[in-house]
C-alpha cells in the first residue's frame, strides 16, 4: 500500500500536528464568530419584542381580558 512506503519522522508528525491545530483554531474562530452573530440577532429580537410589549401593554391586557 502507498502509506507503507511513507516514513514518519518526528518532524513530519510535528508539522502535521501543527497544521491540524491551525485548521482547528481557524474553524473554532469561525464557529465562535457565527454564534456571536446569532446571539446578537436573538438578543436584538427579544429586546424589540419586549419594547413592543411594554409600549402596548394596555392593549394586550385588554385583548386578553
Protein backbone atom coordinates (compact mmCIF):
# COMPACT_ATOMS: atom_id res chain seq x y z
CA UNK A 1 0.00 0.00 0.00
CA UNK A 2 1.07 3.58 -0.53
CA UNK A 3 1.17 4.54 3.13
CA UNK A 4 3.58 1.74 3.94
CA UNK A 5 6.31 3.48 1.99
CA UNK A 6 5.88 6.73 3.91
CA UNK A 7 8.46 7.39 6.54
CA UNK A 8 7.04 9.24 9.51
CA UNK A 9 9.72 11.04 11.39
CA UNK A 10 9.30 13.39 14.31
CA UNK A 11 9.39 16.46 12.04
CA UNK A 12 6.66 15.17 9.76
CA UNK A 13 4.38 14.30 12.67
CA UNK A 14 5.09 17.63 14.36
CA UNK A 15 4.33 19.50 11.16
CA UNK A 16 1.08 17.60 10.67
CA UNK A 17 0.10 18.26 14.28
CA UNK A 18 0.81 21.99 13.92
CA UNK A 19 -1.26 22.13 10.73
CA UNK A 20 -4.11 20.31 12.47
CA UNK A 21 -4.02 22.77 15.37
CA UNK A 22 -4.02 25.69 12.94
CA UNK A 23 -7.02 24.36 10.99
CA UNK A 24 -8.93 23.59 14.18
CA UNK A 25 -8.17 27.03 15.57
CA UNK A 26 -9.47 28.70 12.42
CA UNK A 27 -12.60 26.53 12.46
CA UNK A 28 -13.20 27.33 16.14
CA UNK A 29 -12.82 31.07 15.49
CA UNK A 30 -15.32 30.82 12.62
CA UNK A 31 -17.84 28.93 14.78
CA UNK A 32 -17.45 31.50 17.59
CA UNK A 33 -17.98 34.33 15.09
CA UNK A 34 -21.16 32.72 13.73
CA UNK A 35 -22.50 32.06 17.25
CA UNK A 36 -21.77 35.67 18.21
CA UNK A 37 -23.76 36.97 15.25
CA UNK A 38 -26.66 34.61 16.01
CA UNK A 39 -26.68 35.71 19.65
CA UNK A 40 -26.77 39.38 18.64
CA UNK A 41 -29.75 38.78 16.35
CA UNK A 42 -31.60 36.84 19.06
CA UNK A 43 -30.93 39.49 21.72
CA UNK A 44 -32.00 42.27 19.36
CA UNK A 45 -35.20 40.38 18.53
CA UNK A 46 -36.02 39.75 22.19
CA UNK A 47 -35.30 43.37 23.02
CA UNK A 48 -37.58 44.59 20.24
CA UNK A 49 -40.34 42.22 21.35
CA UNK A 50 -40.01 43.38 24.97
CA UNK A 51 -40.12 47.05 23.91
CA UNK A 52 -43.26 46.33 21.90
CA UNK A 53 -44.90 44.58 24.86
CA UNK A 54 -44.05 47.48 27.19
CA UNK A 55 -45.36 50.00 24.67
CA UNK A 56 -48.65 48.19 24.04
CA UNK A 57 -49.20 46.50 27.42
CA UNK A 58 -52.60 48.16 27.97
CA UNK A 59 -53.85 46.94 24.59
CA UNK A 60 -52.50 43.45 25.20
CA UNK A 61 -54.17 43.31 28.63
CA UNK A 62 -57.45 44.49 27.11
CA UNK A 63 -57.28 41.85 24.36
CA UNK A 64 -56.51 39.06 26.83
CA UNK A 65 -59.20 40.13 29.29
